[in-house]
Amino acid sequence: MSMTAVAKLARVSQATVSRVYNNPDKVSEKTRLRVEEAMRKVGYSLARRQPKKLPSAVSVRSIAVLALDDSLHQHGSFSMTMFLGIQDAAAKLGISTFIGNATDESNLPGWIKKIGAEGVLLIGNNSRPGFGESFGNLPSVWLTSHAETGADAVLPGNDAVGRLAVDYLCNLKCRNLAFVSAIPENPSYRVRGDAFEREASARGLNVRQFVSRLTVSGSIPQKISELEPRIDKLVNELLEHSILPDGIFVPSDFMTALFYRSLNKEGVTPGDQIKIVSCDNKEPYLAGLLPRPATIDIAGESRGRRALHELLWRIENPDDLAVTQLILEPSLIVY
């Protein structure tokens, strides 16, 4: 079972679960016991690793970074931020990094073998059970929410993202909130939306989710031509609702750019009647938006650097059965 399931059962954030697992001395005893009990109920391993230190002489020479969908092309800014963190940390240790797409699993074994990769960092959401067998079960660490369980991961604090969004809109005196997402297939966006709704409800605010329906295939749309009609439909539903939201959270800057355009087509000026907060802190998507919305930074470069650290530890300790899932706290960026 995942860290998300533990967090829901214990009624805490994913970041708190991460602290209980990795730094229990930094959590109150009452919270620690509640989280540990939730871990036992869902079958999450309570075994903890010893504090990890990189070996003084790193023997690893090369690693691979694989995108399991079209995120390198469609959301290049998001993926490359993490890659820059990985590359920076790897270069300091004399490790070569190779990045590529892995949407076609048939050519993975040959490619991985050719570059001599000793470990793999994974980005994307299109995983399936047993995917690791495609590249010879090399040590791996995930940087995004994924379908595979029991895997090492360094993830954004999606629960905290939802709470930060509510905090920001509350400070602007918004009382009627909405979460808008045209990509229900993305597990990170679902967690952000659910956390947003829970926090808003806990504060006594009106809150509603406007989310596109899942497709039969369940695959994540990658083209603007696929997303724009979805967003247009959501905007129409939002504007026709009996209570017009005065504060809206959109879970990615990519969607926010399209959301602005759709509102403008309906004669609505973002930032006037409706306050908006976004997520990812990707300037290419936000730079042309007026007024420029606040956004939540999910620490892409830091995640990349920490994921490399975790991967090197896993390469050095392949027989350790304890699974690590680290959560990095997000931060609000207001322009």
Protein backbone atom coordinates (compact mmCIF):
# COMPACT_ATOMS: atom_id res chain seq x y z
CA MET A 1 0.00 0.00 0.00
CA SER A 2 1.10 3.57 -0.62
CA MET A 3 2.07 6.43 1.65
CA THR A 4 -1.14 8.18 0.53
CA ALA A 5 -3.25 5.39 2.08
CA VAL A 6 -1.32 5.65 5.36
CA ALA A 7 -1.76 9.44 5.45
CA LYS A 8 -5.53 9.21 4.89
CA LEU A 9 -6.01 6.55 7.58
CA ALA A 10 -3.86 8.44 10.12
CA ARG A 11 -5.43 11.80 9.17
CA VAL A 12 -2.05 13.45 8.57
CA SER A 13 -0.15 14.73 5.55
CA GLN A 14 2.14 12.61 3.39
CA ALA A 15 5.02 14.75 4.62
CA THR A 16 4.23 13.73 8.20
CA VAL A 17 4.23 10.05 7.21
CA SER A 18 7.60 10.62 5.55
CA ARG A 19 8.99 12.20 8.73
CA VAL A 20 7.69 9.34 10.89
CA TYR A 21 9.38 6.86 8.58
CA ASN A 22 12.69 8.67 8.10
CA ASN A 23 13.02 11.04 11.10
CA PRO A 24 10.67 9.82 13.86
CA ASP A 25 12.43 11.96 16.48
CA LYS A 26 11.05 15.07 14.74
CA VAL A 27 7.40 14.00 15.25
CA SER A 28 5.39 14.02 18.48
CA GLU A 29 4.94 10.61 20.10
CA LYS A 30 1.15 10.80 19.76
CA THR A 31 1.36 11.44 16.00
CA ARG A 32 4.10 8.85 15.52
CA LEU A 33 2.06 6.12 17.23
CA ARG A 34 -1.03 6.98 15.16
CA VAL A 35 0.93 6.86 11.91
CA GLU A 36 2.68 3.61 12.85
CA GLU A 37 -0.68 2.02 13.65
CA ALA A 38 -1.98 3.12 10.23
CA MET A 39 1.13 1.63 8.62
CA ARG A 40 0.43 -1.72 10.26
CA LYS A 41 -3.21 -1.69 9.16
CA VAL A 42 -2.41 -1.08 5.49
CA GLY A 43 0.64 -3.35 5.44
CA TYR A 44 3.20 -0.57 4.99
CA SER A 45 6.69 -1.62 6.11
CA LEU A 46 7.75 -0.21 9.48
CA ALA A 47 11.37 -1.20 8.94
CA ARG A 48 13.65 1.84 8.87
CA ARG A 49 16.99 2.20 7.19
CA GLN A 50 20.05 3.36 9.01
CA PRO A 51 20.97 7.00 8.29
CA LYS A 52 22.30 7.12 4.76
CA LYS A 53 25.59 8.62 3.70
CA LEU A 54 27.06 8.59 0.23
CA PRO A 55 30.24 6.51 0.04
CA SER A 56 33.39 8.60 -0.02
CA ALA A 57 34.38 7.08 -3.35
CA VAL A 58 31.32 6.58 -5.59
CA SER A 59 31.83 3.62 -7.88
CA VAL A 60 28.75 4.27 -10.05
CA ARG A 61 29.66 5.58 -13.49
CA SER A 62 26.32 6.09 -15.26
CA ILE A 63 22.56 6.18 -14.63
CA ALA A 64 19.48 6.55 -16.83
CA VAL A 65 16.53 8.93 -16.43
CA LEU A 66 13.40 7.54 -18.10
CA ALA A 67 10.13 9.36 -18.85
CA LEU A 68 7.29 6.83 -19.08
CA ASP A 69 5.05 9.11 -21.12
CA ASP A 70 5.37 12.17 -23.36
CA SER A 71 6.17 14.53 -20.48
CA LEU A 72 9.61 15.34 -21.94
CA HIS A 73 7.89 16.76 -25.01
CA GLN A 74 4.57 18.05 -23.68
CA HIS A 75 5.82 19.26 -20.28
CA GLY A 76 9.52 19.69 -20.95
CA SER A 77 9.99 22.52 -18.46
CA PHE A 78 8.65 20.40 -15.60
CA SER A 79 10.78 17.34 -16.43
CA MET A 80 13.93 19.27 -17.23
CA THR A 81 13.86 21.06 -13.86
CA MET A 82 14.20 17.69 -12.13
CA PHE A 83 16.79 16.56 -14.67
CA LEU A 84 18.91 19.64 -13.97
CA GLY A 85 18.97 18.73 -10.28
CA ILE A 86 19.93 15.16 -11.12
CA GLN A 87 22.62 16.23 -13.58
CA ASP A 88 24.10 18.79 -11.19
CA ALA A 89 24.44 16.27 -8.36
CA ALA A 90 25.71 13.55 -10.69
CA ALA A 91 28.35 15.77 -12.31
CA LYS A 92 29.85 16.57 -8.91
CA LEU A 93 30.33 12.83 -8.38
CA GLY A 94 31.63 12.10 -11.88
CA ILE A 95 28.50 10.18 -12.89
CA SER A 96 27.17 10.31 -16.46
CA THR A 97 23.41 10.74 -16.92
CA PHE A 98 21.33 9.68 -19.92
CA ILE A 99 17.74 10.79 -20.43
CA GLY A 100 15.14 9.27 -22.72
CA ASN A 101 11.51 8.25 -23.25
CA ALA A 102 10.32 4.78 -22.36
CA THR A 103 6.85 4.69 -23.86
CA ASP A 104 7.93 1.70 -25.94
CA GLU A 105 9.24 -0.96 -23.58
CA SER A 106 10.46 -3.26 -26.33
CA ASN A 107 13.72 -1.35 -26.89
CA LEU A 108 14.53 -0.70 -23.22
CA PRO A 109 16.85 -3.63 -22.42
CA GLY A 110 19.18 -2.89 -25.35
CA TRP A 111 19.28 0.85 -24.69
CA ILE A 112 19.94 0.45 -20.97
CA LYS A 113 22.68 -2.11 -21.63
CA LYS A 114 24.28 0.04 -24.31
CA ILE A 115 24.75 3.04 -22.03
CA GLY A 116 25.87 0.84 -19.14
CA ALA A 117 23.36 2.32 -16.69
CA GLU A 118 23.66 0.98 -13.15
CA GLY A 119 20.41 2.50 -11.91
CA VAL A 120 17.27 4.23 -13.21
CA LEU A 121 15.33 7.34 -12.16
CA LEU A 122 11.69 7.25 -13.32
CA ILE A 123 9.36 10.12 -14.28
CA GLY A 124 5.76 9.80 -15.46
CA ASN A 125 2.49 8.06 -14.68
CA ASN A 126 2.15 5.31 -17.28
CA SER A 127 3.73 2.53 -15.26
CA ARG A 128 2.30 -0.96 -15.03
CA PRO A 129 2.89 -3.89 -12.65
CA GLY A 130 6.23 -5.54 -13.38
CA PHE A 131 7.52 -2.60 -15.39
CA GLY A 132 10.93 -2.94 -13.74
CA GLU A 133 11.48 -6.22 -15.56
CA SER A 134 11.70 -4.25 -18.81
CA PHE A 135 15.10 -2.90 -17.84
CA GLY A 136 16.44 -5.93 -16.03
CA ASN A 137 15.23 -4.95 -12.52
CA LEU A 138 17.99 -2.38 -12.07
CA PRO A 139 17.83 -0.30 -8.87
CA SER A 140 15.31 2.49 -9.40
CA VAL A 141 13.74 5.52 -7.71
CA TRP A 142 10.57 7.36 -8.75
CA LEU A 143 10.25 11.16 -8.91
CA THR A 144 6.50 11.28 -9.60
CA SER A 145 3.38 9.58 -8.26
CA HIS A 146 2.98 6.22 -9.93
CA ALA A 147 0.93 3.02 -10.12
CA GLU A 148 3.66 0.68 -8.86
CA THR A 149 3.68 0.02 -5.12
CA GLY A 150 6.61 -0.96 -2.93
CA ALA A 151 9.02 1.30 -4.81
CA ASP A 152 11.52 3.89 -3.57
CA ALA A 153 10.36 7.42 -4.38
CA VAL A 154 11.12 11.11 -3.80
CA LEU A 155 7.83 12.94 -4.29
CA PRO A 156 6.25 16.39 -4.07
CA GLY A 157 4.08 17.01 -1.01
CA ASN A 158 0.76 16.94 -2.85
CA ASP A 159 -1.31 17.08 0.35
CA ALA A 160 0.59 20.17 1.41
CA VAL A 161 0.05 21.67 -2.06
CA GLY A 162 -3.72 21.51 -1.55
CA ARG A 163 -3.50 23.11 1.88
CA LEU A 164 -1.21 25.90 0.64
CA ALA A 165 -3.72 26.70 -2.11
CA VAL A 166 -6.52 27.05 0.45
CA ASP A 167 -4.29 29.21 2.69
CA TYR A 168 -3.55 31.60 -0.15
CA LEU A 169 -7.18 31.98 -1.26
CA CYS A 170 -8.35 32.42 2.34
CA ASN A 171 -5.87 35.25 2.79
CA LEU A 172 -7.52 36.92 -0.22
CA LYS A 173 -10.90 36.64 1.59
CA CYS A 174 -12.27 34.08 -0.87
CA ARG A 175 -15.19 32.08 0.53
CA ASN A 176 -16.45 30.04 -2.43
CA LEU A 177 -13.65 27.82 -3.69
CA ALA A 178 -13.29 25.46 -6.61
CA PHE A 179 -10.73 22.93 -7.82
CA VAL A 180 -10.49 22.62 -11.61
CA SER A 181 -8.68 19.78 -13.40
CA ALA A 182 -8.97 18.54 -16.96
CA ILE A 183 -6.59 15.63 -16.27
CA PRO A 184 -8.26 13.25 -13.77
CA GLU A 185 -5.89 10.52 -14.93
CA ASN A 186 -2.96 12.14 -13.12
CA PRO A 187 -2.71 10.74 -9.55
CA SER A 188 -0.80 13.79 -8.25
CA TYR A 189 -3.59 16.13 -9.37
CA ARG A 190 -6.21 13.93 -7.70
CA VAL A 191 -4.35 14.07 -4.38
CA ARG A 192 -3.94 17.86 -4.66
CA GLY A 193 -7.64 18.29 -5.37
CA ASP A 194 -8.79 16.02 -2.55
CA ALA A 195 -6.47 17.75 -0.06
CA PHE A 196 -7.76 21.15 -1.25
CA GLU A 197 -11.37 20.06 -0.75
CA ARG A 198 -10.71 18.58 2.71
CA GLU A 199 -8.88 21.68 3.94
CA ALA A 200 -11.51 24.07 2.57
CA SER A 201 -14.33 22.04 4.12
CA ALA A 202 -12.52 21.91 7.46
CA ARG A 203 -12.42 25.73 7.43
CA GLY A 204 -16.15 25.97 6.75
CA LEU A 205 -15.75 27.24 3.19
CA ASN A 206 -17.93 26.37 0.20
CA VAL A 207 -15.90 24.12 -2.08
CA ARG A 208 -16.57 22.14 -5.23
CA GLN A 209 -14.45 20.12 -7.66
CA PHE A 210 -14.85 20.60 -11.41
CA VAL A 211 -13.03 17.61 -12.91
CA SER A 212 -13.25 16.06 -16.37
CA ARG A 213 -14.48 12.50 -16.63
CA LEU A 214 -11.98 9.68 -16.95
CA THR A 215 -11.61 8.28 -20.44
CA VAL A 216 -12.19 4.60 -21.14
CA SER A 217 -8.49 4.07 -21.81
CA GLY A 218 -7.41 5.95 -18.69
CA SER A 219 -4.41 7.35 -20.56
CA ILE A 220 -3.27 10.90 -19.82
CA PRO A 221 -3.97 13.36 -22.68
CA GLN A 222 -0.73 14.86 -23.97
CA LYS A 223 -1.85 17.31 -26.66
CA ILE A 224 -3.30 20.78 -26.26
CA SER A 225 -5.94 19.85 -28.83
CA GLU A 226 -7.15 17.14 -26.43
CA LEU A 227 -7.05 19.28 -23.30
CA GLU A 228 -8.56 22.54 -24.53
CA PRO A 229 -12.09 21.14 -25.18
CA ARG A 230 -12.04 19.58 -21.72
CA ILE A 231 -11.12 22.88 -20.09
CA ASP A 232 -13.70 24.82 -22.12
CA LYS A 233 -16.38 22.42 -20.88
CA LEU A 234 -15.27 22.77 -17.26
CA VAL A 235 -15.29 26.58 -17.53
CA ASN A 236 -18.84 26.50 -18.87
CA GLU A 237 -19.93 24.26 -15.98
CA LEU A 238 -18.20 26.54 -13.49
CA LEU A 239 -19.76 29.74 -14.86
CA GLU A 240 -23.23 28.15 -15.00
CA HIS A 241 -23.07 26.91 -11.41
CA SER A 242 -25.46 28.54 -8.95
CA ILE A 243 -22.55 29.79 -6.82
CA LEU A 244 -19.75 31.41 -8.80
CA PRO A 245 -16.39 30.56 -7.19
CA ASP A 246 -14.30 33.54 -6.16
CA GLY A 247 -11.17 31.42 -5.59
CA ILE A 248 -9.93 28.65 -7.87
CA PHE A 249 -7.07 26.18 -7.61
CA VAL A 250 -5.74 24.66 -10.86
CA PRO A 251 -3.18 21.88 -10.15
CA SER A 252 -0.65 22.67 -12.90
CA ASP A 253 0.68 25.76 -14.64
CA PHE A 254 0.18 24.06 -18.01
CA MET A 255 -3.57 23.77 -17.36
CA THR A 256 -3.71 27.25 -15.84
CA ALA A 257 -2.49 28.82 -19.09
CA LEU A 258 -5.31 27.09 -20.99
CA PHE A 259 -7.79 27.94 -18.21
CA TYR A 260 -6.98 31.66 -18.54
CA ARG A 261 -7.61 31.51 -22.26
CA SER A 262 -10.92 29.72 -21.79
CA LEU A 263 -12.09 32.28 -19.22
CA ASN A 264 -11.13 35.12 -21.56
CA LYS A 265 -13.20 33.56 -24.34
CA GLU A 266 -16.20 33.72 -21.99
CA GLY A 267 -15.55 37.37 -21.16
CA VAL A 268 -14.23 36.69 -17.65
CA THR A 269 -11.04 38.41 -16.52
CA PRO A 270 -8.95 36.23 -14.17
CA GLY A 271 -7.85 38.08 -11.06
CA ASP A 272 -10.88 40.37 -11.13
CA GLN A 273 -13.96 38.39 -10.14
CA ILE A 274 -11.99 35.20 -9.70
CA LYS A 275 -8.68 34.72 -7.87
CA ILE A 276 -6.52 31.85 -9.12
CA VAL A 277 -3.66 29.88 -7.64
CA SER A 278 -1.69 27.40 -9.74
CA CYS A 279 1.04 24.83 -9.16
CA ASP A 280 4.51 23.82 -10.49
CA ASN A 281 6.16 27.30 -10.75
CA LYS A 282 6.92 26.93 -14.47
CA GLU A 283 7.63 30.40 -15.87
CA PRO A 284 7.14 29.52 -19.58
CA TYR A 285 3.46 28.79 -18.87
CA LEU A 286 2.83 31.76 -16.56
CA ALA A 287 4.94 34.59 -18.02
CA GLY A 288 2.29 35.71 -20.52
CA LEU A 289 -0.66 35.61 -18.12
CA LEU A 290 -2.11 38.88 -16.81
CA PRO A 291 -2.49 39.15 -13.94
CA ARG A 292 0.15 36.52 -13.27
CA PRO A 293 -1.26 34.00 -10.79
CA ALA A 294 0.41 32.80 -7.62
CA THR A 295 1.86 29.33 -8.00
CA ILE A 296 3.17 26.58 -5.74
CA ASP A 297 6.75 25.42 -6.22
CA ILE A 298 7.19 21.66 -5.77
CA ALA A 299 11.01 21.77 -5.57
CA GLY A 300 11.87 20.02 -8.84
CA GLU A 301 15.64 20.54 -8.70
CA SER A 302 15.87 19.54 -5.04
CA ARG A 303 13.83 16.44 -5.81
CA GLY A 304 16.23 15.52 -8.59
CA ARG A 305 19.27 15.87 -6.35
CA ARG A 306 17.69 13.90 -3.51
CA ALA A 307 16.48 11.17 -5.88
CA LEU A 308 20.06 10.65 -7.11
CA HIS A 309 21.20 10.34 -3.48
CA GLU A 310 18.52 7.69 -2.87
CA LEU A 311 19.38 5.82 -6.07
CA LEU A 312 23.07 5.62 -5.15
CA TRP A 313 22.12 4.27 -1.74
CA ARG A 314 19.90 1.63 -3.36
CA ILE A 315 22.67 0.62 -5.79
CA GLU A 316 25.02 0.15 -2.83
CA ASN A 317 22.38 -1.73 -0.80
CA PRO A 318 20.35 -3.87 -3.25
CA ASP A 319 19.32 -6.43 -0.61
CA ASP A 320 17.80 -3.94 1.86
CA LEU A 321 14.04 -4.58 1.74
CA ALA A 322 12.97 -1.33 3.42
CA VAL A 323 11.24 1.01 0.97
CA THR A 324 11.85 4.77 1.24
CA GLN A 325 9.28 7.36 0.13
CA LEU A 326 10.44 10.91 0.84
CA ILE A 327 8.18 13.94 0.60
CA LEU A 328 9.59 17.41 -0.08
CA GLU A 329 7.56 20.33 1.24
CA PRO A 330 6.23 22.77 -1.41
CA SER A 331 6.31 26.57 -1.14
CA LEU A 332 4.02 29.37 -2.31
CA ILE A 333 5.32 31.84 -4.92
CA VAL A 334 3.42 35.13 -5.22
CA TYR A 335 4.36 37.60 -7.98
